[in-house]
Protein backbone atom coordinates (compact mmCIF):
# COMPACT_ATOMS: atom_id res chain seq x y z
CA UNK A 1 83.53 -14.23 -32.48
CA UNK A 2 84.67 -12.90 -35.97
CA UNK A 3 87.30 -15.69 -37.14
CA UNK A 4 87.79 -14.82 -40.63
CA UNK A 5 87.46 -11.72 -43.10
CA UNK A 6 84.55 -13.65 -44.71
CA UNK A 7 82.35 -13.04 -41.60
CA UNK A 8 82.94 -9.65 -41.34
CA UNK A 9 82.07 -9.09 -45.10
CA UNK A 10 78.95 -11.17 -44.68
CA UNK A 11 78.12 -8.95 -41.53
CA UNK A 12 78.59 -5.76 -43.39
CA UNK A 13 76.67 -6.97 -46.36
CA UNK A 14 73.73 -8.00 -44.18
CA UNK A 15 73.65 -4.77 -42.50
CA UNK A 16 73.44 -3.12 -45.87
CA UNK A 17 70.63 -5.24 -47.02
CA UNK A 18 68.65 -4.46 -44.14
CA UNK A 19 69.19 -0.94 -44.45
CA UNK A 20 68.11 -0.57 -47.79
CA UNK A 21 64.82 -2.56 -46.88
CA UNK A 22 64.09 0.11 -44.29
CA UNK A 23 64.77 2.76 -46.96
CA UNK A 24 62.68 1.04 -49.57
CA UNK A 25 59.76 0.68 -47.38
CA UNK A 26 60.10 4.20 -46.07
CA UNK A 27 60.35 5.50 -49.54
CA UNK A 28 57.11 3.62 -50.86
CA UNK A 29 55.26 4.69 -47.88
CA UNK A 30 55.68 8.29 -48.63
CA UNK A 31 54.93 7.78 -52.42
CA UNK A 32 51.75 6.12 -51.53
CA UNK A 33 51.01 8.76 -48.97
CA UNK A 34 51.73 11.66 -51.84
CA UNK A 35 49.53 9.75 -54.39
CA UNK A 36 46.36 8.87 -52.17
CA UNK A 37 46.30 12.00 -49.87
CA UNK A 38 45.98 9.69 -47.11
CA UNK A 39 45.25 11.43 -43.62
CA UNK A 40 48.00 11.70 -41.36
CA UNK A 41 48.14 12.34 -37.53
CA UNK A 42 47.88 15.91 -37.73
CA UNK A 43 44.77 15.82 -39.70
CA UNK A 44 42.97 14.13 -36.84
CA UNK A 45 41.74 17.60 -35.54
CA UNK A 46 40.27 18.39 -39.17
CA UNK A 47 38.35 14.99 -39.06
CA UNK A 48 36.96 15.41 -35.98
CA UNK A 49 35.85 18.99 -36.54
CA UNK A 50 33.87 17.61 -39.92
CA UNK A 51 32.38 14.71 -38.15
CA UNK A 52 30.80 17.44 -35.43
CA UNK A 53 29.55 19.53 -38.06
CA UNK A 54 27.98 16.43 -39.82
CA UNK A 55 26.16 15.50 -36.07
CA UNK A 56 25.07 19.04 -35.51
CA UNK A 57 23.65 19.39 -39.00
CA UNK A 58 25.78 22.12 -40.11
CA UNK A 59 27.34 19.93 -42.80
CA UNK A 60 25.48 17.10 -44.74
CA UNK A 61 27.00 14.31 -45.69
CA UNK A 62 27.45 13.20 -49.48
CA UNK A 63 24.80 10.51 -50.01
CA UNK A 64 24.85 10.70 -53.75
CA UNK A 65 26.36 8.33 -56.46
CA UNK A 66 30.07 7.78 -57.16
CA UNK A 67 32.36 10.44 -56.42
CA UNK A 68 34.31 11.83 -59.48
């Protein structure tokens, strides 16, 4: 299977490269989440409540110009 030490080294380097790519993707996703305030799965209940308030007329959606 692994005939030379070069095979072992290349498999190790490949595993490190894949690990780094996964780490970098996760880091960038967290950074974007912090910058843009993206709603996560835990915010679904709040969003549903706001939509219900708009449907009942308790809350009016913003229809004006550009947001600040």
